[in-house]
């Protein structure tokens, strides 16, 4: 499905009736990364499950300029308004978590619960910002395959690449489905995001934090340190997984999300 909001056409999936759960995809992937998880949860007939592509990702139209986390947050809330969703549980992985933090700062009243996966509240270091710009230039000059070649060793655990080669194939397909302009715009937008550490103690809704045991981007020790500052948070480390936990260990990820939703809503 597509809807025109804030001057762009946003593609989204909307299935089921019940508690709204909104899935925010990782960079540089798209909403299709959530398909299997949403299908499994849909069978329980308890949830309204929504996922969308950010501007220029997947099937959504492209806009000009840097894609900031605040812009994506504005789009998500506009989508919620259009769909008649006053609140939702947010499930964001990596960049999706950054978007959730932006929503937490600007639209806290729209959040019923939080699932942070393989993400962090901290802003980029100066070195990190430089690397974001290099990635943006790489995307624009050499295309999505070069982005995939650079990113996949950081996104997936070595074990996943060795024993589950189909996961790497899938991730490459997800990356290839996006425009290079959006990849560059989002990379630059992530470099500009502000530190959200000050928000942690203010989170009053039920919160689940998931991280891969072998995550190189947001290592478990880093994640566990910030979780201590969230009053109602539980943290789960998924074994044999890198940064893309929902794709590398889908059954374990589903089990944690299902238990969290059943226990808290």
C-alpha atoms as a PDB file:
ATOM      1  CA  UNK A   1       0.000   0.000   0.000  1.00  0.00           C
ATOM      2  CA  UNK A   2       1.042   3.606  -0.556  1.00  0.00           C
ATOM      3  CA  UNK A   3       0.016   6.878   1.025  1.00  0.00           C
ATOM      4  CA  UNK A   4       1.045  10.465   0.315  1.00  0.00           C
ATOM      5  CA  UNK A   5       2.271  12.190   3.475  1.00  0.00           C
ATOM      6  CA  UNK A   6       4.517  15.199   3.991  1.00  0.00           C
ATOM      7  CA  UNK A   7       4.978  15.535   0.240  1.00  0.00           C
ATOM      8  CA  UNK A   8       6.218  11.983  -0.441  1.00  0.00           C
ATOM      9  CA  UNK A   9       4.652   8.633  -1.244  1.00  0.00           C
ATOM     10  CA  UNK A  10       5.318   6.213   1.596  1.00  0.00           C
ATOM     11  CA  UNK A  11       4.909   2.472   1.044  1.00  0.00           C
ATOM     12  CA  UNK A  12       3.676   0.466   3.989  1.00  0.00           C
ATOM     13  CA  UNK A  13       2.139  -2.788   5.153  1.00  0.00           C
ATOM     14  CA  UNK A  14      -0.848  -2.781   7.514  1.00  0.00           C
ATOM     15  CA  UNK A  15      -2.220  -6.122   8.695  1.00  0.00           C
ATOM     16  CA  UNK A  16      -4.355  -7.378  11.538  1.00  0.00           C
ATOM     17  CA  UNK A  17      -6.557  -5.945  14.270  1.00  0.00           C
ATOM     18  CA  UNK A  18      -5.551  -5.238  17.866  1.00  0.00           C
ATOM     19  CA  UNK A  19      -2.586  -3.667  19.619  1.00  0.00           C
ATOM     20  CA  UNK A  20      -0.711  -1.473  17.104  1.00  0.00           C
ATOM     21  CA  UNK A  21       2.930  -2.518  16.650  1.00  0.00           C
ATOM     22  CA  UNK A  22       5.015  -0.420  14.268  1.00  0.00           C
ATOM     23  CA  UNK A  23       8.257  -1.793  12.817  1.00  0.00           C
ATOM     24  CA  UNK A  24      11.137   0.546  11.901  1.00  0.00           C
ATOM     25  CA  UNK A  25      13.713  -0.931   9.545  1.00  0.00           C
ATOM     26  CA  UNK A  26      17.490  -0.949   9.693  1.00  0.00           C
ATOM     27  CA  UNK A  27      19.943   0.842   7.396  1.00  0.00           C
ATOM     28  CA  UNK A  28      20.458   0.263   4.527  1.00  0.00           C
ATOM     29  CA  UNK A  29      17.534  -2.214   4.311  1.00  0.00           C
ATOM     30  CA  UNK A  30      13.778  -1.688   3.959  1.00  0.00           C
ATOM     31  CA  UNK A  31      10.464  -2.798   5.441  1.00  0.00           C
ATOM     32  CA  UNK A  32      10.668  -6.266   3.872  1.00  0.00           C
ATOM     33  CA  UNK A  33      13.163  -7.246   6.578  1.00  0.00           C
ATOM     34  CA  UNK A  34      10.146  -7.557   8.910  1.00  0.00           C
ATOM     35  CA  UNK A  35       7.940  -9.721   6.670  1.00  0.00           C
ATOM     36  CA  UNK A  36       8.514 -13.073   8.381  1.00  0.00           C
ATOM     37  CA  UNK A  37       8.219 -11.646  11.885  1.00  0.00           C
ATOM     38  CA  UNK A  38       4.996  -9.855  11.029  1.00  0.00           C
ATOM     39  CA  UNK A  39       3.543 -12.977   9.433  1.00  0.00           C
ATOM     40  CA  UNK A  40       4.286 -15.019  12.552  1.00  0.00           C
ATOM     41  CA  UNK A  41       2.752 -12.422  14.886  1.00  0.00           C
ATOM     42  CA  UNK A  42      -0.258 -11.969  12.628  1.00  0.00           C
ATOM     43  CA  UNK A  43      -1.258 -15.591  13.211  1.00  0.00           C
ATOM     44  CA  UNK A  44      -1.949 -14.745  16.868  1.00  0.00           C
ATOM     45  CA  UNK A  45      -4.774 -12.376  15.839  1.00  0.00           C
ATOM     46  CA  UNK A  46      -3.933  -9.937  18.653  1.00  0.00           C
ATOM     47  CA  UNK A  47      -1.997  -7.215  16.857  1.00  0.00           C
ATOM     48  CA  UNK A  48      -2.232  -4.575  14.182  1.00  0.00           C
ATOM     49  CA  UNK A  49       1.156  -4.764  12.497  1.00  0.00           C
ATOM     50  CA  UNK A  50       2.514  -1.872  10.440  1.00  0.00           C
ATOM     51  CA  UNK A  51       5.856  -1.422   8.673  1.00  0.00           C
ATOM     52  CA  UNK A  52       6.897   1.260   6.192  1.00  0.00           C
ATOM     53  CA  UNK A  53       9.796   2.165   3.940  1.00  0.00           C
ATOM     54  CA  UNK A  54      11.594   5.398   4.732  1.00  0.00           C
ATOM     55  CA  UNK A  55      11.904   7.989   1.961  1.00  0.00           C
ATOM     56  CA  UNK A  56      13.777   6.527  -1.023  1.00  0.00           C
ATOM     57  CA  UNK A  57      13.989   3.071   0.536  1.00  0.00           C
ATOM     58  CA  UNK A  58      12.118   0.077  -0.837  1.00  0.00           C
ATOM     59  CA  UNK A  59       9.045   1.334  -2.648  1.00  0.00           C
ATOM     60  CA  UNK A  60       8.775   4.795  -1.093  1.00  0.00           C
ATOM     61  CA  UNK A  61       9.482   7.858  -3.207  1.00  0.00           C
ATOM     62  CA  UNK A  62      12.646   9.895  -2.819  1.00  0.00           C
ATOM     63  CA  UNK A  63      12.912  13.421  -1.453  1.00  0.00           C
ATOM     64  CA  UNK A  64      15.702  15.969  -1.672  1.00  0.00           C
ATOM     65  CA  UNK A  65      18.306  16.669   0.969  1.00  0.00           C
ATOM     66  CA  UNK A  66      19.562  14.837   4.036  1.00  0.00           C
ATOM     67  CA  UNK A  67      17.202  12.311   5.592  1.00  0.00           C
ATOM     68  CA  UNK A  68      17.319  13.147   9.294  1.00  0.00           C
ATOM     69  CA  UNK A  69      15.908  10.943  12.020  1.00  0.00           C
ATOM     70  CA  UNK A  70      13.468  13.761  12.837  1.00  0.00           C
ATOM     71  CA  UNK A  71      12.158  13.745   9.258  1.00  0.00           C
ATOM     72  CA  UNK A  72      11.548  10.007   9.431  1.00  0.00           C
ATOM     73  CA  UNK A  73       9.890  10.426  12.839  1.00  0.00           C
ATOM     74  CA  UNK A  74       7.584  13.078  11.373  1.00  0.00           C
ATOM     75  CA  UNK A  75       6.688  10.714   8.528  1.00  0.00           C
ATOM     76  CA  UNK A  76       5.967   7.860  10.944  1.00  0.00           C
ATOM     77  CA  UNK A  77       3.647   9.998  13.072  1.00  0.00           C
ATOM     78  CA  UNK A  78       1.892  11.312   9.948  1.00  0.00           C
ATOM     79  CA  UNK A  79       1.385   7.693   8.876  1.00  0.00           C
ATOM     80  CA  UNK A  80       0.006   6.853  12.324  1.00  0.00           C
ATOM     81  CA  UNK A  81      -2.394   9.793  12.031  1.00  0.00           C
ATOM     82  CA  UNK A  82      -3.540   8.670   8.588  1.00  0.00           C
ATOM     83  CA  UNK A  83      -4.138   5.146   9.877  1.00  0.00           C
ATOM     84  CA  UNK A  84      -5.962   6.332  12.994  1.00  0.00           C
ATOM     85  CA  UNK A  85      -3.321   5.022  15.398  1.00  0.00           C
ATOM     86  CA  UNK A  86      -3.102   7.143  18.561  1.00  0.00           C
ATOM     87  CA  UNK A  87      -0.295   5.044  20.018  1.00  0.00           C
ATOM     88  CA  UNK A  88       1.873   2.112  18.983  1.00  0.00           C
ATOM     89  CA  UNK A  89       4.563  -0.160  20.305  1.00  0.00           C
ATOM     90  CA  UNK A  90       7.687   0.714  18.315  1.00  0.00           C
ATOM     91  CA  UNK A  91      10.121  -1.979  17.244  1.00  0.00           C
ATOM     92  CA  UNK A  92      13.237  -0.431  15.733  1.00  0.00           C
ATOM     93  CA  UNK A  93      16.463  -2.148  14.720  1.00  0.00           C
ATOM     94  CA  UNK A  94      19.671  -0.125  14.300  1.00  0.00           C
ATOM     95  CA  UNK A  95      18.619   3.021  12.376  1.00  0.00           C
ATOM     96  CA  UNK A  96      15.067   2.083  13.317  1.00  0.00           C
ATOM     97  CA  UNK A  97      16.124   2.556  16.921  1.00  0.00           C
ATOM     98  CA  UNK A  98      17.513   5.997  16.095  1.00  0.00           C
ATOM     99  CA  UNK A  99      14.122   6.876  14.612  1.00  0.00           C
ATOM    100  CA  UNK A 100      12.427   5.579  17.767  1.00  0.00           C
ATOM    101  CA  UNK A 101      14.660   7.835  19.888  1.00  0.00           C
ATOM    102  CA  UNK A 102      13.724  10.796  17.672  1.00  0.00           C
ATOM    103  CA  UNK A 103      10.046   9.942  18.188  1.00  0.00           C
ATOM    104  CA  UNK A 104      10.644   9.586  21.918  1.00  0.00           C
ATOM    105  CA  UNK A 105      12.001  13.140  22.044  1.00  0.00           C
ATOM    106  CA  UNK A 106       9.365  14.744  19.821  1.00  0.00           C
ATOM    107  CA  UNK A 107       6.269  12.540  20.192  1.00  0.00           C
ATOM    108  CA  UNK A 108       6.527  10.620  23.493  1.00  0.00           C
ATOM    109  CA  UNK A 109       2.741  10.517  23.894  1.00  0.00           C
ATOM    110  CA  UNK A 110       2.452   8.370  20.746  1.00  0.00           C
ATOM    111  CA  UNK A 111       4.580   5.534  22.151  1.00  0.00           C
ATOM    112  CA  UNK A 112       2.939   2.697  24.116  1.00  0.00           C
ATOM    113  CA  UNK A 113       6.036   0.528  24.319  1.00  0.00           C
ATOM    114  CA  UNK A 114       9.536   0.192  22.919  1.00  0.00           C
ATOM    115  CA  UNK A 115      11.572  -2.615  21.429  1.00  0.00           C
ATOM    116  CA  UNK A 116      15.116  -1.465  20.725  1.00  0.00           C
ATOM    117  CA  UNK A 117      17.160  -3.973  18.705  1.00  0.00           C
ATOM    118  CA  UNK A 118      20.879  -3.562  18.066  1.00  0.00           C
ATOM    119  CA  UNK A 119      20.857   0.183  18.508  1.00  0.00           C
ATOM    120  CA  UNK A 120      22.166   2.877  20.851  1.00  0.00           C
ATOM    121  CA  UNK A 121      21.201   6.336  22.094  1.00  0.00           C
ATOM    122  CA  UNK A 122      24.644   7.891  21.638  1.00  0.00           C
ATOM    123  CA  UNK A 123      25.448  10.217  18.750  1.00  0.00           C
ATOM    124  CA  UNK A 124      28.210   9.376  16.298  1.00  0.00           C
ATOM    125  CA  UNK A 125      31.806  10.099  17.217  1.00  0.00           C
ATOM    126  CA  UNK A 126      33.784  12.342  14.872  1.00  0.00           C
ATOM    127  CA  UNK A 127      35.317   9.246  13.331  1.00  0.00           C
ATOM    128  CA  UNK A 128      31.850   7.775  12.941  1.00  0.00           C
ATOM    129  CA  UNK A 129      30.644  10.894  11.139  1.00  0.00           C
ATOM    130  CA  UNK A 130      33.576  10.703   8.740  1.00  0.00           C
ATOM    131  CA  UNK A 131      32.750   7.070   8.005  1.00  0.00           C
ATOM    132  CA  UNK A 132      29.097   7.983   7.352  1.00  0.00           C
ATOM    133  CA  UNK A 133      30.209  10.517   4.755  1.00  0.00           C
ATOM    134  CA  UNK A 134      32.523   7.977   3.134  1.00  0.00           C
ATOM    135  CA  UNK A 135      29.633   5.536   2.917  1.00  0.00           C
ATOM    136  CA  UNK A 136      27.417   8.204   1.365  1.00  0.00           C
ATOM    137  CA  UNK A 137      30.057   8.951  -1.273  1.00  0.00           C
ATOM    138  CA  UNK A 138      30.548   5.229  -1.898  1.00  0.00           C
ATOM    139  CA  UNK A 139      26.840   4.756  -2.511  1.00  0.00           C
ATOM    140  CA  UNK A 140      26.642   7.666  -4.933  1.00  0.00           C
ATOM    141  CA  UNK A 141      29.777   6.756  -6.882  1.00  0.00           C
ATOM    142  CA  UNK A 142      29.813   2.953  -6.858  1.00  0.00           C
ATOM    143  CA  UNK A 143      26.253   1.836  -6.156  1.00  0.00           C
ATOM    144  CA  UNK A 144      24.397  -0.511  -3.841  1.00  0.00           C
ATOM    145  CA  UNK A 145      26.611  -3.553  -4.434  1.00  0.00           C
ATOM    146  CA  UNK A 146      29.646  -1.658  -3.148  1.00  0.00           C
ATOM    147  CA  UNK A 147      27.609  -0.598  -0.105  1.00  0.00           C
ATOM    148  CA  UNK A 148      26.644  -4.215   0.529  1.00  0.00           C
ATOM    149  CA  UNK A 149      30.243  -5.397   0.166  1.00  0.00           C
ATOM    150  CA  UNK A 150      31.353  -2.841   2.765  1.00  0.00           C
ATOM    151  CA  UNK A 151      28.479  -3.228   5.211  1.00  0.00           C
ATOM    152  CA  UNK A 152      27.752  -6.949   5.335  1.00  0.00           C
ATOM    153  CA  UNK A 153      30.907  -7.979   7.246  1.00  0.00           C
ATOM    154  CA  UNK A 154      29.791  -5.548   9.968  1.00  0.00           C
ATOM    155  CA  UNK A 155      26.098  -6.389   9.820  1.00  0.00           C
ATOM    156  CA  UNK A 156      26.268 -10.180   9.917  1.00  0.00           C
ATOM    157  CA  UNK A 157      28.172 -12.484  12.253  1.00  0.00           C
ATOM    158  CA  UNK A 158      30.876 -14.601  10.622  1.00  0.00           C
ATOM    159  CA  UNK A 159      28.956 -17.698  11.662  1.00  0.00           C
ATOM    160  CA  UNK A 160      25.850 -16.433   9.873  1.00  0.00           C
ATOM    161  CA  UNK A 161      27.741 -15.823   6.642  1.00  0.00           C
ATOM    162  CA  UNK A 162      29.351 -19.246   6.863  1.00  0.00           C
ATOM    163  CA  UNK A 163      26.412 -21.400   7.973  1.00  0.00           C
ATOM    164  CA  UNK A 164      23.420 -19.387   6.730  1.00  0.00           C
ATOM    165  CA  UNK A 165      24.509 -18.019   3.334  1.00  0.00           C
ATOM    166  CA  UNK A 166      20.879 -17.429   2.398  1.00  0.00           C
ATOM    167  CA  UNK A 167      20.762 -14.628   4.993  1.00  0.00           C
ATOM    168  CA  UNK A 168      23.560 -12.770   3.218  1.00  0.00           C
ATOM    169  CA  UNK A 169      21.772 -13.229  -0.106  1.00  0.00           C
ATOM    170  CA  UNK A 170      18.626 -11.774   1.445  1.00  0.00           C
ATOM    171  CA  UNK A 171      20.449  -8.782   2.931  1.00  0.00           C
ATOM    172  CA  UNK A 172      22.071  -8.035  -0.425  1.00  0.00           C
ATOM    173  CA  UNK A 173      18.628  -8.089  -2.055  1.00  0.00           C
ATOM    174  CA  UNK A 174      17.245  -5.737   0.583  1.00  0.00           C
ATOM    175  CA  UNK A 175      20.101  -3.285   0.060  1.00  0.00           C
ATOM    176  CA  UNK A 176      19.795  -3.446  -3.739  1.00  0.00           C
ATOM    177  CA  UNK A 177      16.102  -2.477  -3.537  1.00  0.00           C
ATOM    178  CA  UNK A 178      16.965   1.013  -2.279  1.00  0.00           C
ATOM    179  CA  UNK A 179      18.037   4.139  -4.156  1.00  0.00           C
ATOM    180  CA  UNK A 180      21.649   5.204  -3.731  1.00  0.00           C
ATOM    181  CA  UNK A 181      20.395   8.732  -3.060  1.00  0.00           C
ATOM    182  CA  UNK A 182      18.405   7.508  -0.043  1.00  0.00           C
ATOM    183  CA  UNK A 183      21.333   5.498   1.286  1.00  0.00           C
ATOM    184  CA  UNK A 184      23.549   8.591   1.079  1.00  0.00           C
ATOM    185  CA  UNK A 185      20.863  10.865   2.550  1.00  0.00           C
ATOM    186  CA  UNK A 186      20.202   8.529   5.485  1.00  0.00           C
ATOM    187  CA  UNK A 187      23.894   7.976   6.164  1.00  0.00           C
ATOM    188  CA  UNK A 188      24.372  11.733   6.395  1.00  0.00           C
ATOM    189  CA  UNK A 189      21.222  12.043   8.484  1.00  0.00           C
ATOM    190  CA  UNK A 190      22.458   9.505  11.008  1.00  0.00           C
ATOM    191  CA  UNK A 191      25.709  11.451  11.304  1.00  0.00           C
ATOM    192  CA  UNK A 192      23.691  14.511  12.340  1.00  0.00           C
ATOM    193  CA  UNK A 193      21.519  12.816  14.969  1.00  0.00           C
ATOM    194  CA  UNK A 194      21.739  14.175  18.498  1.00  0.00           C
ATOM    195  CA  UNK A 195      22.635  12.176  21.570  1.00  0.00           C
ATOM    196  CA  UNK A 196      19.521  10.684  23.141  1.00  0.00           C
ATOM    197  CA  UNK A 197      21.110   9.462  26.368  1.00  0.00           C
ATOM    198  CA  UNK A 198      19.266  12.152  28.310  1.00  0.00           C
ATOM    199  CA  UNK A 199      15.968  10.484  27.388  1.00  0.00           C
ATOM    200  CA  UNK A 200      16.721   7.085  28.919  1.00  0.00           C
ATOM    201  CA  UNK A 201      15.655   7.865  32.478  1.00  0.00           C
ATOM    202  CA  UNK A 202      12.430   9.426  31.147  1.00  0.00           C
ATOM    203  CA  UNK A 203      11.234   6.244  29.433  1.00  0.00           C
ATOM    204  CA  UNK A 204       8.216   5.099  31.422  1.00  0.00           C
ATOM    205  CA  UNK A 205       6.684   2.592  28.999  1.00  0.00           C
ATOM    206  CA  UNK A 206       7.574  -1.131  28.919  1.00  0.00           C
ATOM    207  CA  UNK A 207      10.867  -1.550  27.075  1.00  0.00           C
ATOM    208  CA  UNK A 208      12.661  -4.538  25.600  1.00  0.00           C
ATOM    209  CA  UNK A 209      16.245  -4.275  24.374  1.00  0.00           C
ATOM    210  CA  UNK A 210      17.655  -6.985  22.111  1.00  0.00           C
ATOM    211  CA  UNK A 211      21.263  -7.276  20.961  1.00  0.00           C
ATOM    212  CA  UNK A 212      23.251  -9.887  19.079  1.00  0.00           C
ATOM    213  CA  UNK A 213      26.020 -11.610  21.014  1.00  0.00           C
ATOM    214  CA  UNK A 214      28.441 -10.931  18.134  1.00  0.00           C
ATOM    215  CA  UNK A 215      27.148  -7.489  17.166  1.00  0.00           C
ATOM    216  CA  UNK A 216      30.150  -5.415  16.049  1.00  0.00           C
ATOM    217  CA  UNK A 217      28.170  -2.195  15.561  1.00  0.00           C
ATOM    218  CA  UNK A 218      26.436  -2.049  18.955  1.00  0.00           C
ATOM    219  CA  UNK A 219      28.266  -4.606  21.123  1.00  0.00           C
ATOM    220  CA  UNK A 220      26.398  -6.200  24.057  1.00  0.00           C
ATOM    221  CA  UNK A 221      28.535  -4.497  26.720  1.00  0.00           C
ATOM    222  CA  UNK A 222      27.721  -1.063  25.269  1.00  0.00           C
ATOM    223  CA  UNK A 223      24.021  -1.911  25.089  1.00  0.00           C
ATOM    224  CA  UNK A 224      23.871  -3.301  28.613  1.00  0.00           C
ATOM    225  CA  UNK A 225      25.444  -0.116  29.984  1.00  0.00           C
ATOM    226  CA  UNK A 226      22.720   2.126  28.584  1.00  0.00           C
ATOM    227  CA  UNK A 227      19.899  -0.275  29.465  1.00  0.00           C
ATOM    228  CA  UNK A 228      20.722   0.263  33.147  1.00  0.00           C
ATOM    229  CA  UNK A 229      19.381   3.804  32.822  1.00  0.00           C
ATOM    230  CA  UNK A 230      15.941   2.783  31.487  1.00  0.00           C
ATOM    231  CA  UNK A 231      13.598   2.184  34.446  1.00  0.00           C
ATOM    232  CA  UNK A 232      11.402  -0.599  33.006  1.00  0.00           C
ATOM    233  CA  UNK A 233      13.792  -2.208  30.536  1.00  0.00           C
ATOM    234  CA  UNK A 234      14.779  -5.813  30.105  1.00  0.00           C
ATOM    235  CA  UNK A 235      17.798  -6.736  28.004  1.00  0.00           C
ATOM    236  CA  UNK A 236      18.250  -9.936  26.036  1.00  0.00           C
ATOM    237  CA  UNK A 237      21.436 -11.057  24.273  1.00  0.00           C
ATOM    238  CA  UNK A 238      20.792 -13.408  21.353  1.00  0.00           C
ATOM    239  CA  UNK A 239      23.484 -16.035  20.882  1.00  0.00           C
ATOM    240  CA  UNK A 240      25.115 -16.667  17.509  1.00  0.00           C
ATOM    241  CA  UNK A 241      23.916 -13.395  16.023  1.00  0.00           C
ATOM    242  CA  UNK A 242      25.497 -10.238  14.742  1.00  0.00           C
ATOM    243  CA  UNK A 243      23.826  -6.860  14.165  1.00  0.00           C
ATOM    244  CA  UNK A 244      20.764  -8.047  12.226  1.00  0.00           C
ATOM    245  CA  UNK A 245      19.244 -10.203  14.955  1.00  0.00           C
ATOM    246  CA  UNK A 246      15.770 -10.522  13.424  1.00  0.00           C
ATOM    247  CA  UNK A 247      17.255 -12.032  10.255  1.00  0.00           C
ATOM    248  CA  UNK A 248      20.094 -14.056  11.777  1.00  0.00           C
ATOM    249  CA  UNK A 249      18.116 -15.600  14.643  1.00  0.00           C
ATOM    250  CA  UNK A 250      14.488 -15.056  13.615  1.00  0.00           C
ATOM    251  CA  UNK A 251      12.930 -17.664  15.901  1.00  0.00           C
ATOM    252  CA  UNK A 252      14.744 -16.394  18.993  1.00  0.00           C
ATOM    253  CA  UNK A 253      13.900 -12.798  18.066  1.00  0.00           C
ATOM    254  CA  UNK A 254      10.234 -13.692  17.565  1.00  0.00           C
ATOM    255  CA  UNK A 255      10.105 -15.515  20.905  1.00  0.00           C
ATOM    256  CA  UNK A 256      11.419 -12.456  22.756  1.00  0.00           C
ATOM    257  CA  UNK A 257       9.071 -10.027  21.009  1.00  0.00           C
ATOM    258  CA  UNK A 258       6.074 -12.325  21.500  1.00  0.00           C
ATOM    259  CA  UNK A 259       6.799 -12.800  25.213  1.00  0.00           C
ATOM    260  CA  UNK A 260       7.317  -9.069  25.730  1.00  0.00           C
ATOM    261  CA  UNK A 261       4.024  -8.172  24.058  1.00  0.00           C
ATOM    262  CA  UNK A 262       2.082 -10.861  25.905  1.00  0.00           C
ATOM    263  CA  UNK A 263       3.498  -9.884  29.290  1.00  0.00           C
ATOM    264  CA  UNK A 264       3.021  -6.143  28.963  1.00  0.00           C
ATOM    265  CA  UNK A 265      -0.049  -5.536  26.784  1.00  0.00           C
END
